[in-house]
């Protein structure tokens, strides 16, 4: 039996950003997208990026995370619940121990305001 995953709204005054990435190994290209919604489900802003020279699916997800966080920063949202397929990126982003990977350094140095919040994550 297949279950349906439904979008759940953020608690006001948060907005929610969902992002995802697709990766094509044969051409080393990726596409990432994000959408920001308020607590009533109204779309406040979408974004899409096409990327070349992406080495693997992990890099595609990390790039999607970075581009999505850049988008909400540029839109001047201050309290954002972030949701996406970033389970490989997220531990590097919120880790308390030193991690020398380029992905964590790139995202963390640009977005030090990302902090854990319950089951999701909030950009403040």
PDB file of N, CA and C in Angstrom:
ATOM      1  N   UNK A   1       0.838  -1.175   0.000  1.00  0.00           N
ATOM      2  CA  UNK A   1       0.000   0.000   0.000  1.00  0.00           C
ATOM      3  C   UNK A   1       0.884   1.240   0.000  1.00  0.00           C
ATOM      4  N   UNK A   2       0.542   2.204  -0.828  1.00  0.00           N
ATOM      5  CA  UNK A   2       1.319   3.425  -0.958  1.00  0.00           C
ATOM      6  C   UNK A   2       0.672   4.529  -0.122  1.00  0.00           C
ATOM      7  N   UNK A   3       1.509   5.264   0.629  1.00  0.00           N
ATOM      8  CA  UNK A   3       0.967   6.363   1.416  1.00  0.00           C
ATOM      9  C   UNK A   3       1.277   7.685   0.720  1.00  0.00           C
ATOM     10  N   UNK A   4       0.445   8.657   0.959  1.00  0.00           N
ATOM     11  CA  UNK A   4       0.621   9.976   0.371  1.00  0.00           C
ATOM     12  C   UNK A   4       1.177  10.915   1.424  1.00  0.00           C
ATOM     13  N   UNK A   5       2.260  11.576   1.070  1.00  0.00           N
ATOM     14  CA  UNK A   5       2.849  12.561   1.969  1.00  0.00           C
ATOM     15  C   UNK A   5       2.241  13.907   1.621  1.00  0.00           C
ATOM     16  N   UNK A   6       1.710  14.559   2.603  1.00  0.00           N
ATOM     17  CA  UNK A   6       1.061  15.851   2.379  1.00  0.00           C
ATOM     18  C   UNK A   6       1.900  16.970   2.995  1.00  0.00           C
ATOM     19  N   UNK A   7       1.803  18.139   2.380  1.00  0.00           N
ATOM     20  CA  UNK A   7       2.482  19.321   2.884  1.00  0.00           C
ATOM     21  C   UNK A   7       1.781  19.771   4.164  1.00  0.00           C
ATOM     22  N   UNK A   8       2.557  20.118   5.174  1.00  0.00           N
ATOM     23  CA  UNK A   8       1.968  20.637   6.406  1.00  0.00           C
ATOM     24  C   UNK A   8       2.419  22.081   6.583  1.00  0.00           C
ATOM     25  N   UNK A   9       1.506  22.959   6.964  1.00  0.00           N
ATOM     26  CA  UNK A   9       1.840  24.384   7.068  1.00  0.00           C
ATOM     27  C   UNK A   9       2.733  24.671   8.268  1.00  0.00           C
ATOM     28  N   UNK A  10       3.504  25.741   8.174  1.00  0.00           N
ATOM     29  CA  UNK A  10       4.309  26.163   9.323  1.00  0.00           C
ATOM     30  C   UNK A  10       3.417  26.866  10.343  1.00  0.00           C
ATOM     31  N   UNK A  11       3.914  26.980  11.547  1.00  0.00           N
ATOM     32  CA  UNK A  11       3.205  27.722  12.588  1.00  0.00           C
ATOM     33  C   UNK A  11       3.497  29.211  12.388  1.00  0.00           C
ATOM     34  N   UNK A  12       2.441  30.013  12.340  1.00  0.00           N
ATOM     35  CA  UNK A  12       2.597  31.468  12.181  1.00  0.00           C
ATOM     36  C   UNK A  12       3.474  32.014  13.306  1.00  0.00           C
ATOM     37  N   UNK A  13       4.461  32.842  13.082  1.00  0.00           N
ATOM     38  CA  UNK A  13       4.729  33.661  11.906  1.00  0.00           C
ATOM     39  C   UNK A  13       5.767  33.067  10.952  1.00  0.00           C
ATOM     40  N   UNK A  14       6.119  31.784  11.119  1.00  0.00           N
ATOM     41  CA  UNK A  14       7.086  31.167  10.219  1.00  0.00           C
ATOM     42  C   UNK A  14       6.517  31.034   8.814  1.00  0.00           C
ATOM     43  N   UNK A  15       7.413  31.002   7.828  1.00  0.00           N
ATOM     44  CA  UNK A  15       7.068  30.580   6.486  1.00  0.00           C
ATOM     45  C   UNK A  15       7.810  29.271   6.253  1.00  0.00           C
ATOM     46  N   UNK A  16       7.361  28.494   5.276  1.00  0.00           N
ATOM     47  CA  UNK A  16       7.997  27.207   5.032  1.00  0.00           C
ATOM     48  C   UNK A  16       8.574  27.177   3.625  1.00  0.00           C
ATOM     49  N   UNK A  17       9.824  26.744   3.542  1.00  0.00           N
ATOM     50  CA  UNK A  17      10.489  26.593   2.262  1.00  0.00           C
ATOM     51  C   UNK A  17      10.728  25.117   2.009  1.00  0.00           C
ATOM     52  N   UNK A  18      10.211  24.621   0.887  1.00  0.00           N
ATOM     53  CA  UNK A  18      10.480  23.258   0.446  1.00  0.00           C
ATOM     54  C   UNK A  18      11.414  23.338  -0.750  1.00  0.00           C
ATOM     55  N   UNK A  19      12.418  22.468  -0.784  1.00  0.00           N
ATOM     56  CA  UNK A  19      13.318  22.448  -1.934  1.00  0.00           C
ATOM     57  C   UNK A  19      13.654  21.020  -2.307  1.00  0.00           C
ATOM     58  N   UNK A  20      14.121  20.852  -3.542  1.00  0.00           N
ATOM     59  CA  UNK A  20      14.528  19.539  -4.020  1.00  0.00           C
ATOM     60  C   UNK A  20      15.468  19.727  -5.194  1.00  0.00           C
ATOM     61  N   UNK A  21      16.151  18.642  -5.556  1.00  0.00           N
ATOM     62  CA  UNK A  21      17.077  18.671  -6.677  1.00  0.00           C
ATOM     63  C   UNK A  21      16.912  17.408  -7.506  1.00  0.00           C
ATOM     64  N   UNK A  22      17.219  17.537  -8.772  1.00  0.00           N
ATOM     65  CA  UNK A  22      17.305  16.393  -9.671  1.00  0.00           C
ATOM     66  C   UNK A  22      18.700  16.395 -10.273  1.00  0.00           C
ATOM     67  N   UNK A  23      19.238  15.204 -10.541  1.00  0.00           N
ATOM     68  CA  UNK A  23      20.610  15.096 -11.050  1.00  0.00           C
ATOM     69  C   UNK A  23      20.652  14.132 -12.221  1.00  0.00           C
ATOM     70  N   UNK A  24      21.376  14.512 -13.270  1.00  0.00           N
ATOM     71  CA  UNK A  24      21.563  13.654 -14.442  1.00  0.00           C
ATOM     72  C   UNK A  24      23.044  13.311 -14.553  1.00  0.00           C
ATOM     73  N   UNK A  25      23.374  12.061 -14.242  1.00  0.00           N
ATOM     74  CA  UNK A  25      24.762  11.605 -14.220  1.00  0.00           C
ATOM     75  C   UNK A  25      25.436  11.708 -15.582  1.00  0.00           C
ATOM     76  N   UNK A  26      24.729  11.357 -16.637  1.00  0.00           N
ATOM     77  CA  UNK A  26      25.323  11.346 -17.969  1.00  0.00           C
ATOM     78  C   UNK A  26      25.844  12.694 -18.434  1.00  0.00           C
ATOM     79  N   UNK A  27      25.214  13.769 -17.987  1.00  0.00           N
ATOM     80  CA  UNK A  27      25.619  15.116 -18.413  1.00  0.00           C
ATOM     81  C   UNK A  27      26.198  15.948 -17.275  1.00  0.00           C
ATOM     82  N   UNK A  28      26.192  15.402 -16.061  1.00  0.00           N
ATOM     83  CA  UNK A  28      26.655  16.111 -14.856  1.00  0.00           C
ATOM     84  C   UNK A  28      25.919  17.439 -14.688  1.00  0.00           C
ATOM     85  N   UNK A  29      24.598  17.375 -14.896  1.00  0.00           N
ATOM     86  CA  UNK A  29      23.756  18.554 -14.727  1.00  0.00           C
ATOM     87  C   UNK A  29      22.749  18.300 -13.606  1.00  0.00           C
ATOM     88  N   UNK A  30      22.342  19.388 -12.968  1.00  0.00           N
ATOM     89  CA  UNK A  30      21.292  19.270 -11.959  1.00  0.00           C
ATOM     90  C   UNK A  30      20.310  20.416 -12.130  1.00  0.00           C
ATOM     91  N   UNK A  31      19.161  20.222 -11.552  1.00  0.00           N
ATOM     92  CA  UNK A  31      18.134  21.252 -11.506  1.00  0.00           C
ATOM     93  C   UNK A  31      17.643  21.289 -10.071  1.00  0.00           C
ATOM     94  N   UNK A  32      17.543  22.476  -9.522  1.00  0.00           N
ATOM     95  CA  UNK A  32      17.034  22.597  -8.157  1.00  0.00           C
ATOM     96  C   UNK A  32      15.912  23.619  -8.139  1.00  0.00           C
ATOM     97  N   UNK A  33      15.013  23.419  -7.209  1.00  0.00           N
ATOM     98  CA  UNK A  33      13.891  24.328  -7.089  1.00  0.00           C
ATOM     99  C   UNK A  33      13.473  24.472  -5.638  1.00  0.00           C
ATOM    100  N   UNK A  34      12.841  25.591  -5.366  1.00  0.00           N
ATOM    101  CA  UNK A  34      12.337  25.854  -4.018  1.00  0.00           C
ATOM    102  C   UNK A  34      11.047  26.651  -4.125  1.00  0.00           C
ATOM    103  N   UNK A  35      10.203  26.479  -3.129  1.00  0.00           N
ATOM    104  CA  UNK A  35       8.991  27.283  -3.035  1.00  0.00           C
ATOM    105  C   UNK A  35       8.804  27.656  -1.569  1.00  0.00           C
ATOM    106  N   UNK A  36       8.411  28.903  -1.331  1.00  0.00           N
ATOM    107  CA  UNK A  36       8.160  29.408   0.018  1.00  0.00           C
ATOM    108  C   UNK A  36       6.661  29.675   0.145  1.00  0.00           C
ATOM    109  N   UNK A  37       6.070  29.141   1.233  1.00  0.00           N
ATOM    110  CA  UNK A  37       4.643  29.327   1.483  1.00  0.00           C
ATOM    111  C   UNK A  37       4.426  29.841   2.901  1.00  0.00           C
ATOM    112  N   UNK A  38       3.308  30.528   3.081  1.00  0.00           N
ATOM    113  CA  UNK A  38       2.955  30.989   4.421  1.00  0.00           C
ATOM    114  C   UNK A  38       2.118  29.920   5.121  1.00  0.00           C
ATOM    115  N   UNK A  39       1.605  30.245   6.317  1.00  0.00           N
ATOM    116  CA  UNK A  39       0.866  29.264   7.107  1.00  0.00           C
ATOM    117  C   UNK A  39      -0.501  28.905   6.508  1.00  0.00           C
ATOM    118  N   UNK A  40      -0.946  29.651   5.509  1.00  0.00           N
ATOM    119  CA  UNK A  40      -2.202  29.329   4.827  1.00  0.00           C
ATOM    120  C   UNK A  40      -1.961  28.606   3.503  1.00  0.00           C
ATOM    121  N   UNK A  41      -0.696  28.356   3.175  1.00  0.00           N
ATOM    122  CA  UNK A  41      -0.360  27.659   1.946  1.00  0.00           C
ATOM    123  C   UNK A  41      -0.178  28.554   0.736  1.00  0.00           C
ATOM    124  N   UNK A  42      -0.300  29.864   0.928  1.00  0.00           N
ATOM    125  CA  UNK A  42      -0.111  30.798  -0.186  1.00  0.00           C
ATOM    126  C   UNK A  42       1.362  30.828  -0.587  1.00  0.00           C
ATOM    127  N   UNK A  43       1.616  30.741  -1.886  1.00  0.00           N
ATOM    128  CA  UNK A  43       2.992  30.785  -2.391  1.00  0.00           C
ATOM    129  C   UNK A  43       3.494  32.219  -2.308  1.00  0.00           C
ATOM    130  N   UNK A  44       4.612  32.394  -1.589  1.00  0.00           N
ATOM    131  CA  UNK A  44       5.232  33.710  -1.449  1.00  0.00           C
ATOM    132  C   UNK A  44       6.371  33.895  -2.439  1.00  0.00           C
ATOM    133  N   UNK A  45       6.887  32.796  -2.967  1.00  0.00           N
ATOM    134  CA  UNK A  45       7.952  32.898  -3.951  1.00  0.00           C
ATOM    135  C   UNK A  45       8.491  31.541  -4.357  1.00  0.00           C
ATOM    136  N   UNK A  46       8.674  31.323  -5.682  1.00  0.00           N
ATOM    137  CA  UNK A  46       9.324  30.115  -6.179  1.00  0.00           C
ATOM    138  C   UNK A  46      10.680  30.460  -6.796  1.00  0.00           C
ATOM    139  N   UNK A  47      11.567  29.474  -6.895  1.00  0.00           N
ATOM    140  CA  UNK A  47      12.812  29.676  -7.645  1.00  0.00           C
ATOM    141  C   UNK A  47      13.254  28.348  -8.249  1.00  0.00           C
ATOM    142  N   UNK A  48      13.932  28.431  -9.396  1.00  0.00           N
ATOM    143  CA  UNK A  48      14.451  27.262 -10.102  1.00  0.00           C
ATOM    144  C   UNK A  48      15.850  27.612 -10.593  1.00  0.00           C
ATOM    145  N   UNK A  49      16.767  26.654 -10.474  1.00  0.00           N
ATOM    146  CA  UNK A  49      18.139  26.833 -10.959  1.00  0.00           C
ATOM    147  C   UNK A  49      18.539  25.624 -11.786  1.00  0.00           C
ATOM    148  N   UNK A  50      19.193  25.883 -12.925  1.00  0.00           N
ATOM    149  CA  UNK A  50      19.796  24.832 -13.733  1.00  0.00           C
ATOM    150  C   UNK A  50      21.297  24.928 -13.542  1.00  0.00           C
ATOM    151  N   UNK A  51      21.948  23.802 -13.233  1.00  0.00           N
ATOM    152  CA  UNK A  51      23.364  23.808 -12.868  1.00  0.00           C
ATOM    153  C   UNK A  51      24.153  22.841 -13.750  1.00  0.00           C
ATOM    154  N   UNK A  52      25.343  23.271 -14.152  1.00  0.00           N
ATOM    155  CA  UNK A  52      26.234  22.429 -14.951  1.00  0.00           C
ATOM    156  C   UNK A  52      27.437  22.033 -14.106  1.00  0.00           C
ATOM    157  N   UNK A  53      28.136  20.993 -14.540  1.00  0.00           N
ATOM    158  CA  UNK A  53      29.369  20.534 -13.899  1.00  0.00           C
ATOM    159  C   UNK A  53      29.169  20.134 -12.434  1.00  0.00           C
ATOM    160  N   UNK A  54      28.087  19.446 -12.168  1.00  0.00           N
ATOM    161  CA  UNK A  54      27.789  18.949 -10.827  1.00  0.00           C
ATOM    162  C   UNK A  54      28.296  17.507 -10.762  1.00  0.00           C
ATOM    163  N   UNK A  55      29.234  17.192  -9.868  1.00  0.00           N
ATOM    164  CA  UNK A  55      29.892  15.891  -9.907  1.00  0.00           C
ATOM    165  C   UNK A  55      29.040  14.687  -9.501  1.00  0.00           C
ATOM    166  N   UNK A  56      28.066  14.877  -8.578  1.00  0.00           N
ATOM    167  CA  UNK A  56      27.278  13.732  -8.116  1.00  0.00           C
ATOM    168  C   UNK A  56      25.983  14.204  -7.464  1.00  0.00           C
ATOM    169  N   UNK A  57      25.151  13.248  -7.062  1.00  0.00           N
ATOM    170  CA  UNK A  57      23.845  13.594  -6.490  1.00  0.00           C
ATOM    171  C   UNK A  57      23.983  14.286  -5.136  1.00  0.00           C
ATOM    172  N   UNK A  58      25.020  13.942  -4.364  1.00  0.00           N
ATOM    173  CA  UNK A  58      25.239  14.634  -3.097  1.00  0.00           C
ATOM    174  C   UNK A  58      25.512  16.110  -3.340  1.00  0.00           C
ATOM    175  N   UNK A  59      26.362  16.414  -4.300  1.00  0.00           N
ATOM    176  CA  UNK A  59      26.666  17.812  -4.629  1.00  0.00           C
ATOM    177  C   UNK A  59      25.413  18.524  -5.142  1.00  0.00           C
ATOM    178  N   UNK A  60      24.562  17.813  -5.894  1.00  0.00           N
ATOM    179  CA  UNK A  60      23.317  18.407  -6.384  1.00  0.00           C
ATOM    180  C   UNK A  60      22.414  18.805  -5.219  1.00  0.00           C
ATOM    181  N   UNK A  61      22.276  17.931  -4.213  1.00  0.00           N
ATOM    182  CA  UNK A  61      21.456  18.259  -3.037  1.00  0.00           C
ATOM    183  C   UNK A  61      22.070  19.407  -2.234  1.00  0.00           C
ATOM    184  N   UNK A  62      23.393  19.383  -2.076  1.00  0.00           N
ATOM    185  CA  UNK A  62      24.058  20.461  -1.338  1.00  0.00           C
ATOM    186  C   UNK A  62      23.869  21.795  -2.061  1.00  0.00           C
ATOM    187  N   UNK A  63      23.995  21.775  -3.379  1.00  0.00           N
ATOM    188  CA  UNK A  63      23.805  22.991  -4.168  1.00  0.00           C
ATOM    189  C   UNK A  63      22.361  23.476  -4.072  1.00  0.00           C
ATOM    190  N   UNK A  64      21.410  22.547  -4.122  1.00  0.00           N
ATOM    191  CA  UNK A  64      19.996  22.913  -3.984  1.00  0.00           C
ATOM    192  C   UNK A  64      19.738  23.554  -2.624  1.00  0.00           C
ATOM    193  N   UNK A  65      20.322  23.007  -1.578  1.00  0.00           N
ATOM    194  CA  UNK A  65      20.187  23.560  -0.233  1.00  0.00           C
ATOM    195  C   UNK A  65      20.745  24.973  -0.185  1.00  0.00           C
ATOM    196  N   UNK A  66      21.943  25.142  -0.717  1.00  0.00           N
ATOM    197  CA  UNK A  66      22.590  26.458  -0.730  1.00  0.00           C
ATOM    198  C   UNK A  66      21.758  27.468  -1.522  1.00  0.00           C
ATOM    199  N   UNK A  67      21.286  27.074  -2.709  1.00  0.00           N
ATOM    200  CA  UNK A  67      20.499  27.985  -3.538  1.00  0.00           C
ATOM    201  C   UNK A  67      19.171  28.340  -2.880  1.00  0.00           C
ATOM    202  N   UNK A  68      18.543  27.376  -2.221  1.00  0.00           N
ATOM    203  CA  UNK A  68      17.278  27.635  -1.530  1.00  0.00           C
ATOM    204  C   UNK A  68      17.482  28.588  -0.351  1.00  0.00           C
ATOM    205  N   UNK A  69      18.551  28.358   0.424  1.00  0.00           N
ATOM    206  CA  UNK A  69      18.836  29.252   1.550  1.00  0.00           C
ATOM    207  C   UNK A  69      19.195  30.653   1.057  1.00  0.00           C
ATOM    208  N   UNK A  70      19.904  30.746  -0.053  1.00  0.00           N
ATOM    209  CA  UNK A  70      20.215  32.048  -0.647  1.00  0.00           C
ATOM    210  C   UNK A  70      18.937  32.762  -1.062  1.00  0.00           C
ATOM    211  N   UNK A  71      17.999  32.000  -1.627  1.00  0.00           N
ATOM    212  CA  UNK A  71      16.729  32.562  -2.067  1.00  0.00           C
ATOM    213  C   UNK A  71      15.955  33.170  -0.903  1.00  0.00           C
ATOM    214  N   UNK A  72      15.798  32.428   0.201  1.00  0.00           N
ATOM    215  CA  UNK A  72      15.033  32.983   1.330  1.00  0.00           C
ATOM    216  C   UNK A  72      15.756  34.163   1.964  1.00  0.00           C
ATOM    217  N   UNK A  73      17.085  34.135   1.961  1.00  0.00           N
ATOM    218  CA  UNK A  73      17.839  35.280   2.470  1.00  0.00           C
ATOM    219  C   UNK A  73      17.597  36.500   1.586  1.00  0.00           C
ATOM    220  N   UNK A  74      17.685  36.308   0.274  1.00  0.00           N
ATOM    221  CA  UNK A  74      17.489  37.420  -0.659  1.00  0.00           C
ATOM    222  C   UNK A  74      16.065  37.954  -0.623  1.00  0.00           C
ATOM    223  N   UNK A  75      15.095  37.097  -0.307  1.00  0.00           N
ATOM    224  CA  UNK A  75      13.697  37.532  -0.185  1.00  0.00           C
ATOM    225  C   UNK A  75      13.430  38.191   1.164  1.00  0.00           C
ATOM    226  N   UNK A  76      14.436  38.195   2.023  1.00  0.00           N
ATOM    227  CA  UNK A  76      14.386  38.848   3.334  1.00  0.00           C
ATOM    228  C   UNK A  76      13.412  38.177   4.310  1.00  0.00           C
ATOM    229  N   UNK A  77      13.284  36.849   4.203  1.00  0.00           N
ATOM    230  CA  UNK A  77      12.518  36.102   5.196  1.00  0.00           C
ATOM    231  C   UNK A  77      13.437  35.841   6.384  1.00  0.00           C
ATOM    232  N   UNK A  78      12.925  36.035   7.600  1.00  0.00           N
ATOM    233  CA  UNK A  78      13.759  35.916   8.795  1.00  0.00           C
ATOM    234  C   UNK A  78      13.454  34.693   9.647  1.00  0.00           C
ATOM    235  N   UNK A  79      12.282  34.123   9.514  1.00  0.00           N
ATOM    236  CA  UNK A  79      11.914  32.940  10.290  1.00  0.00           C
ATOM    237  C   UNK A  79      11.343  31.914   9.314  1.00  0.00           C
ATOM    238  N   UNK A  80      12.186  30.957   8.924  1.00  0.00           N
ATOM    239  CA  UNK A  80      11.830  30.029   7.865  1.00  0.00           C
ATOM    240  C   UNK A  80      12.000  28.595   8.344  1.00  0.00           C
ATOM    241  N   UNK A  81      10.962  27.808   8.166  1.00  0.00           N
ATOM    242  CA  UNK A  81      11.055  26.374   8.397  1.00  0.00           C
ATOM    243  C   UNK A  81      11.503  25.753   7.076  1.00  0.00           C
ATOM    244  N   UNK A  82      12.581  25.001   7.109  1.00  0.00           N
ATOM    245  CA  UNK A  82      13.169  24.447   5.896  1.00  0.00           C
ATOM    246  C   UNK A  82      12.858  22.964   5.806  1.00  0.00           C
ATOM    247  N   UNK A  83      12.395  22.534   4.619  1.00  0.00           N
ATOM    248  CA  UNK A  83      12.086  21.133   4.411  1.00  0.00           C
ATOM    249  C   UNK A  83      12.574  20.727   3.023  1.00  0.00           C
ATOM    250  N   UNK A  84      13.326  19.624   2.975  1.00  0.00           N
ATOM    251  CA  UNK A  84      13.820  19.153   1.687  1.00  0.00           C
ATOM    252  C   UNK A  84      14.540  17.831   1.839  1.00  0.00           C
ATOM    253  N   UNK A  85      14.960  17.272   0.713  1.00  0.00           N
ATOM    254  CA  UNK A  85      15.710  16.018   0.715  1.00  0.00           C
ATOM    255  C   UNK A  85      17.171  16.315   0.995  1.00  0.00           C
ATOM    256  N   UNK A  86      17.450  16.712   2.190  1.00  0.00           N
ATOM    257  CA  UNK A  86      18.818  17.148   2.502  1.00  0.00           C
ATOM    258  C   UNK A  86      19.420  16.352   3.646  1.00  0.00           C
ATOM    259  N   UNK A  87      18.989  15.125   3.787  1.00  0.00           N
ATOM    260  CA  UNK A  87      19.453  14.316   4.916  1.00  0.00           C
ATOM    261  C   UNK A  87      20.956  14.063   4.875  1.00  0.00           C
ATOM    262  N   UNK A  88      21.564  14.151   3.722  1.00  0.00           N
ATOM    263  CA  UNK A  88      23.022  14.024   3.664  1.00  0.00           C
ATOM    264  C   UNK A  88      23.704  15.359   3.910  1.00  0.00           C
ATOM    265  N   UNK A  89      23.016  16.462   3.603  1.00  0.00           N
ATOM    266  CA  UNK A  89      23.588  17.800   3.770  1.00  0.00           C
ATOM    267  C   UNK A  89      23.367  18.308   5.185  1.00  0.00           C
ATOM    268  N   UNK A  90      22.175  18.090   5.722  1.00  0.00           N
ATOM    269  CA  UNK A  90      21.797  18.624   7.026  1.00  0.00           C
ATOM    270  C   UNK A  90      22.742  18.269   8.166  1.00  0.00           C
ATOM    271  N   UNK A  91      23.168  17.017   8.314  1.00  0.00           N
ATOM    272  CA  UNK A  91      24.076  16.721   9.429  1.00  0.00           C
ATOM    273  C   UNK A  91      25.365  17.545   9.381  1.00  0.00           C
ATOM    274  N   UNK A  92      25.860  17.831   8.194  1.00  0.00           N
ATOM    275  CA  UNK A  92      27.062  18.660   8.077  1.00  0.00           C
ATOM    276  C   UNK A  92      26.763  20.109   8.441  1.00  0.00           C
ATOM    277  N   UNK A  93      25.555  20.555   8.139  1.00  0.00           N
ATOM    278  CA  UNK A  93      25.174  21.937   8.383  1.00  0.00           C
ATOM    279  C   UNK A  93      25.010  22.246   9.865  1.00  0.00           C
ATOM    280  N   UNK A  94      24.413  21.341  10.619  1.00  0.00           N
ATOM    281  CA  UNK A  94      24.128  21.610  12.029  1.00  0.00           C
ATOM    282  C   UNK A  94      25.049  20.868  12.982  1.00  0.00           C
ATOM    283  N   UNK A  95      26.095  20.239  12.459  1.00  0.00           N
ATOM    284  CA  UNK A  95      27.019  19.475  13.308  1.00  0.00           C
ATOM    285  C   UNK A  95      27.733  20.387  14.292  1.00  0.00           C
ATOM    286  N   UNK A  96      27.951  19.875  15.487  1.00  0.00           N
ATOM    287  CA  UNK A  96      28.677  20.647  16.497  1.00  0.00           C
ATOM    288  C   UNK A  96      30.166  20.360  16.447  1.00  0.00           C
ATOM    289  N   UNK A  97      30.562  19.228  15.871  1.00  0.00           N
ATOM    290  CA  UNK A  97      31.984  18.926  15.758  1.00  0.00           C
ATOM    291  C   UNK A  97      32.548  19.515  14.475  1.00  0.00           C
ATOM    292  N   UNK A  98      33.847  19.662  14.425  1.00  0.00           N
ATOM    293  CA  UNK A  98      34.516  20.220  13.259  1.00  0.00           C
ATOM    294  C   UNK A  98      34.387  19.258  12.086  1.00  0.00           C
ATOM    295  N   UNK A  99      33.962  19.783  10.958  1.00  0.00           N
ATOM    296  CA  UNK A  99      33.808  19.005   9.736  1.00  0.00           C
ATOM    297  C   UNK A  99      34.523  19.783   8.642  1.00  0.00           C
ATOM    298  N   UNK A 100      35.491  19.167   8.028  1.00  0.00           N
ATOM    299  CA  UNK A 100      36.307  19.889   7.051  1.00  0.00           C
ATOM    300  C   UNK A 100      35.784  19.792   5.624  1.00  0.00           C
ATOM    301  N   UNK A 101      34.605  19.220   5.413  1.00  0.00           N
ATOM    302  CA  UNK A 101      34.111  19.090   4.049  1.00  0.00           C
ATOM    303  C   UNK A 101      33.794  20.460   3.456  1.00  0.00           C
ATOM    304  N   UNK A 102      34.011  20.570   2.172  1.00  0.00           N
ATOM    305  CA  UNK A 102      33.762  21.838   1.472  1.00  0.00           C
ATOM    306  C   UNK A 102      32.288  22.204   1.495  1.00  0.00           C
ATOM    307  N   UNK A 103      31.403  21.198   1.458  1.00  0.00           N
ATOM    308  CA  UNK A 103      29.974  21.470   1.447  1.00  0.00           C
ATOM    309  C   UNK A 103      29.546  22.149   2.739  1.00  0.00           C
ATOM    310  N   UNK A 104      29.928  21.608   3.881  1.00  0.00           N
ATOM    311  CA  UNK A 104      29.520  22.214   5.142  1.00  0.00           C
ATOM    312  C   UNK A 104      30.101  23.611   5.274  1.00  0.00           C
ATOM    313  N   UNK A 105      31.355  23.788   4.906  1.00  0.00           N
ATOM    314  CA  UNK A 105      31.983  25.101   5.029  1.00  0.00           C
ATOM    315  C   UNK A 105      31.270  26.127   4.166  1.00  0.00           C
ATOM    316  N   UNK A 106      30.949  25.778   2.938  1.00  0.00           N
ATOM    317  CA  UNK A 106      30.284  26.704   2.031  1.00  0.00           C
ATOM    318  C   UNK A 106      28.928  27.124   2.565  1.00  0.00           C
ATOM    319  N   UNK A 107      28.107  26.162   2.955  1.00  0.00           N
ATOM    320  CA  UNK A 107      26.761  26.477   3.425  1.00  0.00           C
ATOM    321  C   UNK A 107      26.807  27.138   4.790  1.00  0.00           C
ATOM    322  N   UNK A 108      27.575  26.575   5.716  1.00  0.00           N
ATOM    323  CA  UNK A 108      27.586  27.089   7.082  1.00  0.00           C
ATOM    324  C   UNK A 108      28.158  28.501   7.148  1.00  0.00           C
ATOM    325  N   UNK A 109      29.212  28.786   6.398  1.00  0.00           N
ATOM    326  CA  UNK A 109      29.812  30.111   6.463  1.00  0.00           C
ATOM    327  C   UNK A 109      28.874  31.169   5.899  1.00  0.00           C
ATOM    328  N   UNK A 110      28.021  30.778   4.963  1.00  0.00           N
ATOM    329  CA  UNK A 110      27.069  31.723   4.384  1.00  0.00           C
ATOM    330  C   UNK A 110      25.800  31.865   5.211  1.00  0.00           C
ATOM    331  N   UNK A 111      25.463  30.822   5.980  1.00  0.00           N
ATOM    332  CA  UNK A 111      24.208  30.812   6.712  1.00  0.00           C
ATOM    333  C   UNK A 111      24.390  30.331   8.142  1.00  0.00           C
ATOM    334  N   UNK A 112      25.108  31.085   8.980  1.00  0.00           N
ATOM    335  CA  UNK A 112      25.327  30.639  10.356  1.00  0.00           C
ATOM    336  C   UNK A 112      24.066  30.710  11.207  1.00  0.00           C
ATOM    337  N   UNK A 113      22.975  31.240  10.663  1.00  0.00           N
ATOM    338  CA  UNK A 113      21.740  31.383  11.429  1.00  0.00           C
ATOM    339  C   UNK A 113      20.856  30.152  11.382  1.00  0.00           C
ATOM    340  N   UNK A 114      21.280  29.085  10.724  1.00  0.00           N
ATOM    341  CA  UNK A 114      20.482  27.862  10.678  1.00  0.00           C
ATOM    342  C   UNK A 114      20.680  27.108  11.983  1.00  0.00           C
ATOM    343  N   UNK A 115      19.562  26.848  12.667  1.00  0.00           N
ATOM    344  CA  UNK A 115      19.603  26.143  13.947  1.00  0.00           C
ATOM    345  C   UNK A 115      18.544  25.049  13.950  1.00  0.00           C
ATOM    346  N   UNK A 116      18.797  23.946  14.663  1.00  0.00           N
ATOM    347  CA  UNK A 116      17.770  22.891  14.738  1.00  0.00           C
ATOM    348  C   UNK A 116      16.512  23.398  15.416  1.00  0.00           C
ATOM    349  N   UNK A 117      15.360  22.885  14.965  1.00  0.00           N
ATOM    350  CA  UNK A 117      14.066  23.253  15.541  1.00  0.00           C
ATOM    351  C   UNK A 117      13.152  22.051  15.421  1.00  0.00           C
ATOM    352  N   UNK A 118      12.964  21.323  16.499  1.00  0.00           N
ATOM    353  CA  UNK A 118      12.110  20.144  16.516  1.00  0.00           C
ATOM    354  C   UNK A 118      12.497  19.182  15.387  1.00  0.00           C
ATOM    355  N   UNK A 119      11.500  18.736  14.603  1.00  0.00           N
ATOM    356  CA  UNK A 119      11.734  17.787  13.522  1.00  0.00           C
ATOM    357  C   UNK A 119      12.209  18.464  12.253  1.00  0.00           C
ATOM    358  N   UNK A 120      11.995  19.771  12.137  1.00  0.00           N
ATOM    359  CA  UNK A 120      12.408  20.503  10.942  1.00  0.00           C
ATOM    360  C   UNK A 120      13.535  21.459  11.353  1.00  0.00           C
ATOM    361  N   UNK A 121      13.833  22.401  10.496  1.00  0.00           N
ATOM    362  CA  UNK A 121      14.891  23.346  10.808  1.00  0.00           C
ATOM    363  C   UNK A 121      14.432  24.741  10.467  1.00  0.00           C
ATOM    364  N   UNK A 122      14.879  25.710  11.257  1.00  0.00           N
ATOM    365  CA  UNK A 122      14.415  27.074  11.138  1.00  0.00           C
ATOM    366  C   UNK A 122      15.588  27.989  10.852  1.00  0.00           C
ATOM    367  N   UNK A 123      15.411  28.856   9.869  1.00  0.00           N
ATOM    368  CA  UNK A 123      16.386  29.886   9.537  1.00  0.00           C
ATOM    369  C   UNK A 123      15.942  31.157  10.250  1.00  0.00           C
ATOM    370  N   UNK A 124      16.783  31.694  11.107  1.00  0.00           N
ATOM    371  CA  UNK A 124      16.423  32.899  11.860  1.00  0.00           C
ATOM    372  C   UNK A 124      17.352  34.033  11.489  1.00  0.00           C
TER     373      UNK A 124
END
